[in-house]
Every structure is written in structure tokens, then in C-alpha cells.
Amino acid sequence: MLMDKICLALTIVGALNWGSIGLFKFDIVSWIFGGQGSLWARIVYTLVGLAGIWCVSLLFRNTEDIEERTHM
């Protein structure tokens, strides 16, 4: 459950970054971390990508089973 929330937050960060690139040609992550090639920016890009892959699993989960497990 915590992992889902972390991955969703990272995916939202990635979506907002891509939105700013599309609308304003401005890469927020690159700006914050000192360029696209910096180690920290590459780590953030990698984490966002992994979070996106994790979020694919949310599409195939049975939400009724998850709700039952959290209410036990």
C-alpha cells in the first residue's frame, strides 16, 4: 500500500515534468538537479520510470481484494 502511494507520487512528478516540457519547453527536474546529465537528475528520471512500471500493476489488481485486506 505504501509502495503504491510512493509510486503514484513519483508518477505524478513525472507527469507534471512532462507537462512543463510540453507546454513551456522547461524541464523542472533538470532545472532543480543541475541538468539532464547530472547524477541526481538521472536518479529521479530512473525512479519515475520504475514508478510508472509499478503503476501498471495497479491496472490489473482486484480492488475488492485490496479493500478486504486493509479492513482486517
Protein backbone atom coordinates (compact mmCIF):
# COMPACT_ATOMS: atom_id res chain seq x y z
CA MET A 1 0.00 0.00 0.00
CA LEU A 2 2.80 2.43 0.90
CA MET A 3 4.73 1.44 -2.22
CA ASP A 4 1.65 2.20 -4.33
CA LYS A 5 1.41 5.71 -2.86
CA ILE A 6 5.12 6.40 -3.35
CA CYS A 7 4.96 5.21 -6.94
CA LEU A 8 1.83 7.24 -7.65
CA ALA A 9 3.52 10.35 -6.23
CA LEU A 10 6.61 9.78 -8.39
CA THR A 11 4.43 9.18 -11.44
CA ILE A 12 2.64 12.47 -10.78
CA VAL A 13 6.02 14.22 -10.55
CA GLY A 14 6.94 12.72 -13.91
CA ALA A 15 3.62 13.75 -15.46
CA LEU A 16 3.99 17.33 -14.21
CA ASN A 17 7.55 17.44 -15.52
CA TRP A 18 6.46 16.18 -18.95
CA GLY A 19 3.60 18.67 -18.94
CA SER A 20 6.01 21.52 -18.29
CA ILE A 21 8.27 20.26 -21.07
CA GLY A 22 5.35 20.06 -23.49
CA LEU A 23 3.83 23.41 -22.62
CA PHE A 24 6.85 25.53 -21.78
CA LYS A 25 9.89 23.57 -23.02
CA PHE A 26 11.08 23.63 -19.41
CA ASP A 27 12.42 20.51 -17.65
CA ILE A 28 11.74 21.04 -13.93
CA VAL A 29 13.78 18.02 -12.79
CA SER A 30 16.74 19.11 -14.87
CA TRP A 31 16.46 22.66 -13.52
CA ILE A 32 16.31 21.52 -9.87
CA PHE A 33 19.13 18.99 -10.12
CA GLY A 34 21.59 20.79 -12.39
CA GLY A 35 20.98 19.43 -15.88
CA GLN A 36 19.73 16.25 -17.51
CA GLY A 37 23.11 14.59 -17.29
CA SER A 38 23.62 15.14 -13.57
CA LEU A 39 23.62 12.08 -11.35
CA TRP A 40 20.68 13.30 -9.24
CA ALA A 41 18.50 14.11 -12.25
CA ARG A 42 19.23 10.69 -13.74
CA ILE A 43 18.29 9.05 -10.42
CA VAL A 44 14.98 10.95 -10.37
CA TYR A 45 14.26 10.04 -14.01
CA THR A 46 15.02 6.38 -13.23
CA LEU A 47 12.80 6.36 -10.13
CA VAL A 48 9.95 7.96 -12.07
CA GLY A 49 10.33 5.33 -14.80
CA LEU A 50 10.34 2.48 -12.30
CA ALA A 51 7.32 4.00 -10.55
CA GLY A 52 5.49 4.10 -13.87
CA ILE A 53 6.19 0.42 -14.40
CA TRP A 54 4.94 -0.35 -10.88
CA CYS A 55 1.75 1.66 -11.55
CA VAL A 56 0.94 -0.60 -14.50
CA SER A 57 0.25 -3.30 -11.92
CA LEU A 58 -2.48 -1.11 -10.42
CA LEU A 59 -4.49 -1.58 -13.59
CA PHE A 60 -4.67 -5.33 -13.08
CA ARG A 61 -5.37 -5.53 -9.36
CA ASN A 62 -8.72 -6.55 -7.95
CA THR A 63 -9.66 -3.58 -5.76
CA GLU A 64 -12.18 -5.63 -3.76
CA ASP A 65 -9.40 -7.96 -2.55
CA ILE A 66 -7.24 -4.99 -1.56
CA GLU A 67 -10.08 -3.34 0.38
CA GLU A 68 -10.81 -6.60 2.25
CA ARG A 69 -7.15 -6.98 3.28
CA THR A 70 -6.90 -3.40 4.58
CA HIS A 71 -10.03 -3.75 6.75
CA MET A 72 -8.91 -6.91 8.55
